[in-house]
Amino acid sequence: MVKLWVFGATACRACHGLTYPVQAEREDDRLARRANKIRMRLGEEPGLSFPFPRRPKGMHRRTYDRLAQEVFDIEWRLEAMLAAKWQSMCSRLGVTDMDIDFI
């Protein structure tokens, strides 16, 4: 157990209800962080707008395939979550997709 020095006395994180920032992350943020971490490991910029990176020199094909599949699965889940949020927002506003002009 990690001890903290708080106001002149030692205390543990659990006793004071202290958490790490990642413990308060939403599921979609956690998934995006994981996908970005893998993309950077493969030598590419983080984010969905960049093309998927090629296999880095020296990386086993099986390792690359496993990481690529994990990123594709995560990004598929993220897109489904985004679509559900979009539908929820549109229904709350009483708007259909056809009513929205994308510029």
PDB file of N, CA and C in Angstrom:
ATOM      1  N   MET A   1       0.837  -1.170   0.000  1.00  0.00           N
ATOM      2  CA  MET A   1       0.000   0.000   0.000  1.00  0.00           C
ATOM      3  C   MET A   1       0.887   1.239   0.000  1.00  0.00           C
ATOM      4  N   VAL A   2       0.543   2.198  -0.829  1.00  0.00           N
ATOM      5  CA  VAL A   2       1.304   3.431  -0.940  1.00  0.00           C
ATOM      6  C   VAL A   2       0.842   4.400   0.126  1.00  0.00           C
ATOM      7  N   LYS A   3       1.779   4.984   0.846  1.00  0.00           N
ATOM      8  CA  LYS A   3       1.449   5.965   1.876  1.00  0.00           C
ATOM      9  C   LYS A   3       1.647   7.365   1.309  1.00  0.00           C
ATOM     10  N   LEU A   4       0.759   8.266   1.648  1.00  0.00           N
ATOM     11  CA  LEU A   4       0.833   9.654   1.224  1.00  0.00           C
ATOM     12  C   LEU A   4       1.088  10.537   2.438  1.00  0.00           C
ATOM     13  N   TRP A   5       1.716  11.662   2.202  1.00  0.00           N
ATOM     14  CA  TRP A   5       1.936  12.633   3.255  1.00  0.00           C
ATOM     15  C   TRP A   5       0.885  13.726   3.073  1.00  0.00           C
ATOM     16  N   VAL A   6      -0.091  13.763   3.965  1.00  0.00           N
ATOM     17  CA  VAL A   6      -1.205  14.706   3.843  1.00  0.00           C
ATOM     18  C   VAL A   6      -1.324  15.517   5.136  1.00  0.00           C
ATOM     19  N   PHE A   7      -1.165  16.812   5.020  1.00  0.00           N
ATOM     20  CA  PHE A   7      -1.349  17.733   6.150  1.00  0.00           C
ATOM     21  C   PHE A   7      -0.576  17.294   7.388  1.00  0.00           C
ATOM     22  N   GLY A   8       0.669  16.932   7.194  1.00  0.00           N
ATOM     23  CA  GLY A   8       1.518  16.598   8.332  1.00  0.00           C
ATOM     24  C   GLY A   8       1.341  15.196   8.871  1.00  0.00           C
ATOM     25  N   ALA A   9       0.531  14.369   8.226  1.00  0.00           N
ATOM     26  CA  ALA A   9       0.333  12.995   8.688  1.00  0.00           C
ATOM     27  C   ALA A   9       0.340  12.068   7.475  1.00  0.00           C
ATOM     28  N   THR A  10       0.649  10.817   7.711  1.00  0.00           N
ATOM     29  CA  THR A  10       0.614   9.859   6.610  1.00  0.00           C
ATOM     30  C   THR A  10      -0.793   9.312   6.461  1.00  0.00           C
ATOM     31  N   ALA A  11      -1.140   8.997   5.232  1.00  0.00           N
ATOM     32  CA  ALA A  11      -2.468   8.455   4.958  1.00  0.00           C
ATOM     33  C   ALA A  11      -2.373   7.588   3.705  1.00  0.00           C
ATOM     34  N   CYS A  12      -3.339   6.729   3.513  1.00  0.00           N
ATOM     35  CA  CYS A  12      -3.359   5.914   2.288  1.00  0.00           C
ATOM     36  C   CYS A  12      -4.408   6.482   1.333  1.00  0.00           C
ATOM     37  N   ARG A  13      -4.270   6.155   0.070  1.00  0.00           N
ATOM     38  CA  ARG A  13      -5.188   6.666  -0.956  1.00  0.00           C
ATOM     39  C   ARG A  13      -6.623   6.218  -0.679  1.00  0.00           C
ATOM     40  N   ALA A  14      -6.787   4.966  -0.285  1.00  0.00           N
ATOM     41  CA  ALA A  14      -8.131   4.432  -0.046  1.00  0.00           C
ATOM     42  C   ALA A  14      -8.816   5.130   1.122  1.00  0.00           C
ATOM     43  N   CYS A  15      -8.054   5.458   2.156  1.00  0.00           N
ATOM     44  CA  CYS A  15      -8.638   6.110   3.336  1.00  0.00           C
ATOM     45  C   CYS A  15      -9.239   7.469   2.997  1.00  0.00           C
ATOM     46  N   HIS A  16      -8.631   8.169   2.056  1.00  0.00           N
ATOM     47  CA  HIS A  16      -9.085   9.515   1.705  1.00  0.00           C
ATOM     48  C   HIS A  16      -9.859   9.566   0.392  1.00  0.00           C
ATOM     49  N   GLY A  17     -10.128   8.393  -0.192  1.00  0.00           N
ATOM     50  CA  GLY A  17     -10.926   8.343  -1.416  1.00  0.00           C
ATOM     51  C   GLY A  17     -10.242   8.972  -2.620  1.00  0.00           C
ATOM     52  N   LEU A  18      -8.925   8.975  -2.636  1.00  0.00           N
ATOM     53  CA  LEU A  18      -8.181   9.558  -3.757  1.00  0.00           C
ATOM     54  C   LEU A  18      -8.084   8.544  -4.892  1.00  0.00           C
ATOM     55  N   THR A  19      -8.240   9.016  -6.122  1.00  0.00           N
ATOM     56  CA  THR A  19      -8.160   8.128  -7.282  1.00  0.00           C
ATOM     57  C   THR A  19      -7.200   8.701  -8.313  1.00  0.00           C
ATOM     58  N   TYR A  20      -6.787   7.853  -9.227  1.00  0.00           N
ATOM     59  CA  TYR A  20      -5.989   8.290 -10.360  1.00  0.00           C
ATOM     60  C   TYR A  20      -6.940   8.839 -11.424  1.00  0.00           C
ATOM     61  N   PRO A  21      -6.480   9.780 -12.252  1.00  0.00           N
ATOM     62  CA  PRO A  21      -7.376  10.349 -13.276  1.00  0.00           C
ATOM     63  C   PRO A  21      -7.981   9.314 -14.215  1.00  0.00           C
ATOM     64  N   VAL A  22      -7.238   8.271 -14.552  1.00  0.00           N
ATOM     65  CA  VAL A  22      -7.769   7.272 -15.484  1.00  0.00           C
ATOM     66  C   VAL A  22      -8.931   6.482 -14.888  1.00  0.00           C
ATOM     67  N   GLN A  23      -9.061   6.486 -13.584  1.00  0.00           N
ATOM     68  CA  GLN A  23     -10.163   5.766 -12.953  1.00  0.00           C
ATOM     69  C   GLN A  23     -11.495   6.475 -13.164  1.00  0.00           C
ATOM     70  N   ALA A  24     -11.456   7.744 -13.553  1.00  0.00           N
ATOM     71  CA  ALA A  24     -12.682   8.496 -13.790  1.00  0.00           C
ATOM     72  C   ALA A  24     -13.002   8.609 -15.281  1.00  0.00           C
ATOM     73  N   GLU A  25     -12.203   7.974 -16.124  1.00  0.00           N
ATOM     74  CA  GLU A  25     -12.421   8.053 -17.575  1.00  0.00           C
ATOM     75  C   GLU A  25     -13.668   7.287 -17.990  1.00  0.00           C
ATOM     76  N   ARG A  26     -14.337   7.823 -19.017  1.00  0.00           N
ATOM     77  CA  ARG A  26     -15.454   7.092 -19.612  1.00  0.00           C
ATOM     78  C   ARG A  26     -14.885   5.967 -20.472  1.00  0.00           C
ATOM     79  N   GLU A  27     -15.746   5.006 -20.797  1.00  0.00           N
ATOM     80  CA  GLU A  27     -15.308   3.844 -21.561  1.00  0.00           C
ATOM     81  C   GLU A  27     -14.771   4.234 -22.929  1.00  0.00           C
ATOM     82  N   ASP A  28     -15.430   5.189 -23.605  1.00  0.00           N
ATOM     83  CA  ASP A  28     -14.964   5.572 -24.936  1.00  0.00           C
ATOM     84  C   ASP A  28     -13.606   6.268 -24.881  1.00  0.00           C
ATOM     85  N   ASP A  29     -13.356   7.062 -23.847  1.00  0.00           N
ATOM     86  CA  ASP A  29     -12.043   7.695 -23.700  1.00  0.00           C
ATOM     87  C   ASP A  29     -10.959   6.655 -23.438  1.00  0.00           C
ATOM     88  N   ARG A  30     -11.284   5.663 -22.626  1.00  0.00           N
ATOM     89  CA  ARG A  30     -10.325   4.605 -22.321  1.00  0.00           C
ATOM     90  C   ARG A  30      -9.985   3.801 -23.576  1.00  0.00           C
ATOM     91  N   LEU A  31     -11.017   3.494 -24.374  1.00  0.00           N
ATOM     92  CA  LEU A  31     -10.783   2.747 -25.611  1.00  0.00           C
ATOM     93  C   LEU A  31      -9.947   3.559 -26.597  1.00  0.00           C
ATOM     94  N   ALA A  32     -10.252   4.844 -26.724  1.00  0.00           N
ATOM     95  CA  ALA A  32      -9.490   5.696 -27.644  1.00  0.00           C
ATOM     96  C   ALA A  32      -8.038   5.804 -27.201  1.00  0.00           C
ATOM     97  N   ARG A  33      -7.810   5.913 -25.896  1.00  0.00           N
ATOM     98  CA  ARG A  33      -6.437   5.993 -25.384  1.00  0.00           C
ATOM     99  C   ARG A  33      -5.676   4.704 -25.698  1.00  0.00           C
ATOM    100  N   ARG A  34      -6.333   3.570 -25.554  1.00  0.00           N
ATOM    101  CA  ARG A  34      -5.695   2.282 -25.842  1.00  0.00           C
ATOM    102  C   ARG A  34      -5.349   2.159 -27.329  1.00  0.00           C
ATOM    103  N   ALA A  35      -6.284   2.530 -28.206  1.00  0.00           N
ATOM    104  CA  ALA A  35      -6.035   2.457 -29.649  1.00  0.00           C
ATOM    105  C   ALA A  35      -4.900   3.401 -30.054  1.00  0.00           C
ATOM    106  N   ASN A  36      -4.894   4.605 -29.481  1.00  0.00           N
ATOM    107  CA  ASN A  36      -3.836   5.557 -29.798  1.00  0.00           C
ATOM    108  C   ASN A  36      -2.476   5.072 -29.322  1.00  0.00           C
ATOM    109  N   LYS A  37      -2.458   4.423 -28.181  1.00  0.00           N
ATOM    110  CA  LYS A  37      -1.209   3.892 -27.647  1.00  0.00           C
ATOM    111  C   LYS A  37      -0.631   2.829 -28.592  1.00  0.00           C
ATOM    112  N   ILE A  38      -1.488   1.970 -29.124  1.00  0.00           N
ATOM    113  CA  ILE A  38      -1.033   0.938 -30.054  1.00  0.00           C
ATOM    114  C   ILE A  38      -0.567   1.569 -31.357  1.00  0.00           C
ATOM    115  N   ARG A  39      -1.314   2.557 -31.861  1.00  0.00           N
ATOM    116  CA  ARG A  39      -0.916   3.246 -33.098  1.00  0.00           C
ATOM    117  C   ARG A  39       0.461   3.884 -32.947  1.00  0.00           C
ATOM    118  N   MET A  40       0.714   4.510 -31.805  1.00  0.00           N
ATOM    119  CA  MET A  40       2.021   5.133 -31.578  1.00  0.00           C
ATOM    120  C   MET A  40       3.107   4.067 -31.472  1.00  0.00           C
ATOM    121  N   ARG A  41       2.785   2.929 -30.882  1.00  0.00           N
ATOM    122  CA  ARG A  41       3.758   1.829 -30.794  1.00  0.00           C
ATOM    123  C   ARG A  41       4.144   1.339 -32.189  1.00  0.00           C
ATOM    124  N   LEU A  42       3.195   1.426 -33.125  1.00  0.00           N
ATOM    125  CA  LEU A  42       3.455   1.002 -34.499  1.00  0.00           C
ATOM    126  C   LEU A  42       4.086   2.116 -35.336  1.00  0.00           C
ATOM    127  N   GLY A  43       4.338   3.276 -34.721  1.00  0.00           N
ATOM    128  CA  GLY A  43       5.046   4.340 -35.407  1.00  0.00           C
ATOM    129  C   GLY A  43       4.164   5.328 -36.146  1.00  0.00           C
ATOM    130  N   GLU A  44       2.918   5.454 -35.768  1.00  0.00           N
ATOM    131  CA  GLU A  44       1.996   6.376 -36.441  1.00  0.00           C
ATOM    132  C   GLU A  44       1.487   7.395 -35.438  1.00  0.00           C
ATOM    133  N   GLU A  45       0.920   8.464 -35.963  1.00  0.00           N
ATOM    134  CA  GLU A  45       0.296   9.486 -35.118  1.00  0.00           C
ATOM    135  C   GLU A  45      -0.980   8.904 -34.513  1.00  0.00           C
ATOM    136  N   PRO A  46      -1.330   9.351 -33.301  1.00  0.00           N
ATOM    137  CA  PRO A  46      -2.584   8.879 -32.708  1.00  0.00           C
ATOM    138  C   PRO A  46      -3.784   9.516 -33.390  1.00  0.00           C
ATOM    139  N   GLY A  47      -4.876   8.800 -33.444  1.00  0.00           N
ATOM    140  CA  GLY A  47      -6.115   9.340 -33.992  1.00  0.00           C
ATOM    141  C   GLY A  47      -6.644   8.549 -35.160  1.00  0.00           C
ATOM    142  N   LEU A  48      -7.958   8.580 -35.321  1.00  0.00           N
ATOM    143  CA  LEU A  48      -8.621   7.840 -36.390  1.00  0.00           C
ATOM    144  C   LEU A  48      -8.395   8.445 -37.768  1.00  0.00           C
ATOM    145  N   SER A  49      -8.006   9.711 -37.821  1.00  0.00           N
ATOM    146  CA  SER A  49      -7.882  10.376 -39.118  1.00  0.00           C
ATOM    147  C   SER A  49      -6.607   9.993 -39.868  1.00  0.00           C
ATOM    148  N   PHE A  50      -5.693   9.328 -39.200  1.00  0.00           N
ATOM    149  CA  PHE A  50      -4.451   8.917 -39.851  1.00  0.00           C
ATOM    150  C   PHE A  50      -4.581   7.496 -40.388  1.00  0.00           C
ATOM    151  N   PRO A  51      -3.903   7.189 -41.497  1.00  0.00           N
ATOM    152  CA  PRO A  51      -3.965   5.818 -42.022  1.00  0.00           C
ATOM    153  C   PRO A  51      -3.322   4.837 -41.044  1.00  0.00           C
ATOM    154  N   PHE A  52      -3.755   3.599 -41.136  1.00  0.00           N
ATOM    155  CA  PHE A  52      -3.184   2.602 -40.240  1.00  0.00           C
ATOM    156  C   PHE A  52      -1.741   2.330 -40.647  1.00  0.00           C
ATOM    157  N   PRO A  53      -0.827   2.282 -39.688  1.00  0.00           N
ATOM    158  CA  PRO A  53       0.592   2.134 -40.015  1.00  0.00           C
ATOM    159  C   PRO A  53       0.950   0.748 -40.546  1.00  0.00           C
ATOM    160  N   ARG A  54       1.997   0.736 -41.331  1.00  0.00           N
ATOM    161  CA  ARG A  54       2.548  -0.532 -41.816  1.00  0.00           C
ATOM    162  C   ARG A  54       3.309  -1.212 -40.690  1.00  0.00           C
ATOM    163  N   ARG A  55       3.606  -2.464 -40.890  1.00  0.00           N
ATOM    164  CA  ARG A  55       4.340  -3.222 -39.875  1.00  0.00           C
ATOM    165  C   ARG A  55       5.754  -2.653 -39.743  1.00  0.00           C
ATOM    166  N   PRO A  56       6.149  -2.291 -38.505  1.00  0.00           N
ATOM    167  CA  PRO A  56       7.503  -1.775 -38.305  1.00  0.00           C
ATOM    168  C   PRO A  56       8.552  -2.847 -38.567  1.00  0.00           C
ATOM    169  N   LYS A  57       9.680  -2.408 -39.075  1.00  0.00           N
ATOM    170  CA  LYS A  57      10.776  -3.336 -39.343  1.00  0.00           C
ATOM    171  C   LYS A  57      11.199  -3.989 -38.032  1.00  0.00           C
ATOM    172  N   GLY A  58      11.330  -5.293 -38.063  1.00  0.00           N
ATOM    173  CA  GLY A  58      11.755  -6.037 -36.891  1.00  0.00           C
ATOM    174  C   GLY A  58      10.615  -6.580 -36.041  1.00  0.00           C
ATOM    175  N   MET A  59       9.387  -6.159 -36.306  1.00  0.00           N
ATOM    176  CA  MET A  59       8.247  -6.661 -35.536  1.00  0.00           C
ATOM    177  C   MET A  59       7.728  -7.938 -36.182  1.00  0.00           C
ATOM    178  N   HIS A  60       7.493  -8.938 -35.367  1.00  0.00           N
ATOM    179  CA  HIS A  60       6.953 -10.193 -35.877  1.00  0.00           C
ATOM    180  C   HIS A  60       5.592  -9.964 -36.507  1.00  0.00           C
ATOM    181  N   ARG A  61       5.315 -10.684 -37.569  1.00  0.00           N
ATOM    182  CA  ARG A  61       4.037 -10.559 -38.283  1.00  0.00           C
ATOM    183  C   ARG A  61       2.869 -10.876 -37.353  1.00  0.00           C
ATOM    184  N   ARG A  62       3.033 -11.913 -36.538  1.00  0.00           N
ATOM    185  CA  ARG A  62       1.951 -12.319 -35.654  1.00  0.00           C
ATOM    186  C   ARG A  62       1.643 -11.230 -34.608  1.00  0.00           C
ATOM    187  N   THR A  63       2.679 -10.568 -34.102  1.00  0.00           N
ATOM    188  CA  THR A  63       2.494  -9.481 -33.151  1.00  0.00           C
ATOM    189  C   THR A  63       1.770  -8.320 -33.818  1.00  0.00           C
ATOM    190  N   TYR A  64       2.199  -7.958 -35.015  1.00  0.00           N
ATOM    191  CA  TYR A  64       1.562  -6.874 -35.759  1.00  0.00           C
ATOM    192  C   TYR A  64       0.098  -7.200 -36.039  1.00  0.00           C
ATOM    193  N   ASP A  65      -0.168  -8.413 -36.480  1.00  0.00           N
ATOM    194  CA  ASP A  65      -1.548  -8.808 -36.782  1.00  0.00           C
ATOM    195  C   ASP A  65      -2.434  -8.742 -35.542  1.00  0.00           C
ATOM    196  N   ARG A  66      -1.894  -9.153 -34.401  1.00  0.00           N
ATOM    197  CA  ARG A  66      -2.652  -9.116 -33.150  1.00  0.00           C
ATOM    198  C   ARG A  66      -2.953  -7.673 -32.754  1.00  0.00           C
ATOM    199  N   LEU A  67      -1.956  -6.799 -32.826  1.00  0.00           N
ATOM    200  CA  LEU A  67      -2.152  -5.393 -32.480  1.00  0.00           C
ATOM    201  C   LEU A  67      -3.109  -4.708 -33.456  1.00  0.00           C
ATOM    202  N   ALA A  68      -2.968  -5.019 -34.748  1.00  0.00           N
ATOM    203  CA  ALA A  68      -3.857  -4.427 -35.757  1.00  0.00           C
ATOM    204  C   ALA A  68      -5.297  -4.854 -35.505  1.00  0.00           C
ATOM    205  N   GLN A  69      -5.506  -6.120 -35.194  1.00  0.00           N
ATOM    206  CA  GLN A  69      -6.862  -6.610 -34.926  1.00  0.00           C
ATOM    207  C   GLN A  69      -7.441  -5.941 -33.689  1.00  0.00           C
ATOM    208  N   GLU A  70      -6.610  -5.746 -32.675  1.00  0.00           N
ATOM    209  CA  GLU A  70      -7.076  -5.084 -31.459  1.00  0.00           C
ATOM    210  C   GLU A  70      -7.511  -3.645 -31.751  1.00  0.00           C
ATOM    211  N   VAL A  71      -6.703  -2.913 -32.542  1.00  0.00           N
ATOM    212  CA  VAL A  71      -7.059  -1.543 -32.904  1.00  0.00           C
ATOM    213  C   VAL A  71      -8.345  -1.520 -33.721  1.00  0.00           C
ATOM    214  N   PHE A  72      -8.486  -2.407 -34.690  1.00  0.00           N
ATOM    215  CA  PHE A  72      -9.696  -2.447 -35.509  1.00  0.00           C
ATOM    216  C   PHE A  72     -10.929  -2.743 -34.653  1.00  0.00           C
ATOM    217  N   ASP A  73     -10.800  -3.679 -33.717  1.00  0.00           N
ATOM    218  CA  ASP A  73     -11.922  -3.997 -32.823  1.00  0.00           C
ATOM    219  C   ASP A  73     -12.295  -2.797 -31.953  1.00  0.00           C
ATOM    220  N   ILE A  74     -11.281  -2.127 -31.404  1.00  0.00           N
ATOM    221  CA  ILE A  74     -11.534  -0.961 -30.557  1.00  0.00           C
ATOM    222  C   ILE A  74     -12.201   0.144 -31.364  1.00  0.00           C
ATOM    223  N   GLU A  75     -11.679   0.416 -32.559  1.00  0.00           N
ATOM    224  CA  GLU A  75     -12.231   1.493 -33.377  1.00  0.00           C
ATOM    225  C   GLU A  75     -13.651   1.173 -33.843  1.00  0.00           C
ATOM    226  N   TRP A  76     -13.941  -0.092 -34.060  1.00  0.00           N
ATOM    227  CA  TRP A  76     -15.301  -0.503 -34.417  1.00  0.00           C
ATOM    228  C   TRP A  76     -16.254  -0.203 -33.258  1.00  0.00           C
ATOM    229  N   ARG A  77     -15.820  -0.546 -32.034  1.00  0.00           N
ATOM    230  CA  ARG A  77     -16.636  -0.270 -30.851  1.00  0.00           C
ATOM    231  C   ARG A  77     -16.822   1.228 -30.650  1.00  0.00           C
ATOM    232  N   LEU A  78     -15.757   2.015 -30.882  1.00  0.00           N
ATOM    233  CA  LEU A  78     -15.849   3.467 -30.736  1.00  0.00           C
ATOM    234  C   LEU A  78     -16.839   4.066 -31.729  1.00  0.00           C
ATOM    235  N   GLU A  79     -16.812   3.589 -32.963  1.00  0.00           N
ATOM    236  CA  GLU A  79     -17.753   4.084 -33.967  1.00  0.00           C
ATOM    237  C   GLU A  79     -19.190   3.740 -33.586  1.00  0.00           C
ATOM    238  N   ALA A  80     -19.402   2.544 -33.044  1.00  0.00           N
ATOM    239  CA  ALA A  80     -20.745   2.156 -32.607  1.00  0.00           C
ATOM    240  C   ALA A  80     -21.207   3.038 -31.444  1.00  0.00           C
ATOM    241  N   MET A  81     -20.310   3.340 -30.516  1.00  0.00           N
ATOM    242  CA  MET A  81     -20.651   4.215 -29.396  1.00  0.00           C
ATOM    243  C   MET A  81     -20.983   5.628 -29.893  1.00  0.00           C
ATOM    244  N   LEU A  82     -20.203   6.124 -30.831  1.00  0.00           N
ATOM    245  CA  LEU A  82     -20.440   7.455 -31.386  1.00  0.00           C
ATOM    246  C   LEU A  82     -21.782   7.509 -32.111  1.00  0.00           C
ATOM    247  N   ALA A  83     -22.097   6.468 -32.873  1.00  0.00           N
ATOM    248  CA  ALA A  83     -23.385   6.423 -33.579  1.00  0.00           C
ATOM    249  C   ALA A  83     -24.540   6.408 -32.586  1.00  0.00           C
ATOM    250  N   ALA A  84     -24.396   5.652 -31.494  1.00  0.00           N
ATOM    251  CA  ALA A  84     -25.456   5.602 -30.482  1.00  0.00           C
ATOM    252  C   ALA A  84     -25.627   6.966 -29.804  1.00  0.00           C
ATOM    253  N   LYS A  85     -24.514   7.635 -29.507  1.00  0.00           N
ATOM    254  CA  LYS A  85     -24.601   8.969 -28.907  1.00  0.00           C
ATOM    255  C   LYS A  85     -25.265   9.951 -29.865  1.00  0.00           C
ATOM    256  N   TRP A  86     -24.927   9.861 -31.144  1.00  0.00           N
ATOM    257  CA  TRP A  86     -25.509  10.738 -32.152  1.00  0.00           C
ATOM    258  C   TRP A  86     -27.021  10.531 -32.231  1.00  0.00           C
ATOM    259  N   GLN A  87     -27.448   9.267 -32.271  1.00  0.00           N
ATOM    260  CA  GLN A  87     -28.878   8.965 -32.329  1.00  0.00           C
ATOM    261  C   GLN A  87     -29.600   9.466 -31.085  1.00  0.00           C
ATOM    262  N   SER A  88     -28.975   9.303 -29.934  1.00  0.00           N
ATOM    263  CA  SER A  88     -29.569   9.760 -28.683  1.00  0.00           C
ATOM    264  C   SER A  88     -29.723  11.281 -28.683  1.00  0.00           C
ATOM    265  N   MET A  89     -28.693  11.978 -29.137  1.00  0.00           N
ATOM    266  CA  MET A  89     -28.740  13.432 -29.178  1.00  0.00           C
ATOM    267  C   MET A  89     -29.820  13.909 -30.155  1.00  0.00           C
ATOM    268  N   CYS A  90     -29.884  13.288 -31.314  1.00  0.00           N
ATOM    269  CA  CYS A  90     -30.894  13.668 -32.303  1.00  0.00           C
ATOM    270  C   CYS A  90     -32.303  13.423 -31.783  1.00  0.00           C
ATOM    271  N   SER A  91     -32.522  12.304 -31.111  1.00  0.00           N
ATOM    272  CA  SER A  91     -33.867  12.016 -30.602  1.00  0.00           C
ATOM    273  C   SER A  91     -34.251  12.976 -29.476  1.00  0.00           C
ATOM    274  N   ARG A  92     -33.283  13.370 -28.637  1.00  0.00           N
ATOM    275  CA  ARG A  92     -33.568  14.352 -27.581  1.00  0.00           C
ATOM    276  C   ARG A  92     -33.959  15.700 -28.169  1.00  0.00           C
ATOM    277  N   LEU A  93     -33.328  16.048 -29.286  1.00  0.00           N
ATOM    278  CA  LEU A  93     -33.612  17.333 -29.931  1.00  0.00           C
ATOM    279  C   LEU A  93     -34.798  17.263 -30.882  1.00  0.00           C
ATOM    280  N   GLY A  94     -35.286  16.060 -31.134  1.00  0.00           N
ATOM    281  CA  GLY A  94     -36.396  15.888 -32.061  1.00  0.00           C
ATOM    282  C   GLY A  94     -35.996  16.131 -33.510  1.00  0.00           C
ATOM    283  N   VAL A  95     -34.766  15.782 -33.832  1.00  0.00           N
ATOM    284  CA  VAL A  95     -34.218  16.029 -35.161  1.00  0.00           C
ATOM    285  C   VAL A  95     -33.864  14.687 -35.802  1.00  0.00           C
ATOM    286  N   THR A  96     -34.065  14.598 -37.106  1.00  0.00           N
ATOM    287  CA  THR A  96     -33.602  13.408 -37.827  1.00  0.00           C
ATOM    288  C   THR A  96     -32.308  13.752 -38.547  1.00  0.00           C
ATOM    289  N   ASP A  97     -31.599  12.725 -38.951  1.00  0.00           N
ATOM    290  CA  ASP A  97     -30.340  12.933 -39.675  1.00  0.00           C
ATOM    291  C   ASP A  97     -30.576  13.724 -40.959  1.00  0.00           C
ATOM    292  N   MET A  98     -31.750  13.574 -41.530  1.00  0.00           N
ATOM    293  CA  MET A  98     -32.053  14.243 -42.800  1.00  0.00           C
ATOM    294  C   MET A  98     -32.232  15.747 -42.618  1.00  0.00           C
ATOM    295  N   ASP A  99     -32.546  16.190 -41.382  1.00  0.00           N
ATOM    296  CA  ASP A  99     -32.758  17.609 -41.117  1.00  0.00           C
ATOM    297  C   ASP A  99     -31.454  18.382 -40.945  1.00  0.00           C
ATOM    298  N   ILE A 100     -30.337  17.682 -40.820  1.00  0.00           N
ATOM    299  CA  ILE A 100     -29.061  18.326 -40.500  1.00  0.00           C
ATOM    300  C   ILE A 100     -28.256  18.529 -41.781  1.00  0.00           C
ATOM    301  N   ASP A 101     -27.768  19.746 -41.956  1.00  0.00           N
ATOM    302  CA  ASP A 101     -26.907  20.075 -43.092  1.00  0.00           C
ATOM    303  C   ASP A 101     -25.454  20.015 -42.626  1.00  0.00           C
ATOM    304  N   PHE A 102     -24.666  19.154 -43.237  1.00  0.00           N
ATOM    305  CA  PHE A 102     -23.242  19.082 -42.922  1.00  0.00           C
ATOM    306  C   PHE A 102     -22.492  19.964 -43.891  1.00  0.00           C
ATOM    307  N   ILE A 103     -21.700  20.837 -43.384  1.00  0.00           N
ATOM    308  CA  ILE A 103     -20.951  21.757 -44.232  1.00  0.00           C
ATOM    309  C   ILE A 103     -19.522  21.287 -44.350  1.00  0.00           C
TER     310      ILE A 103
END
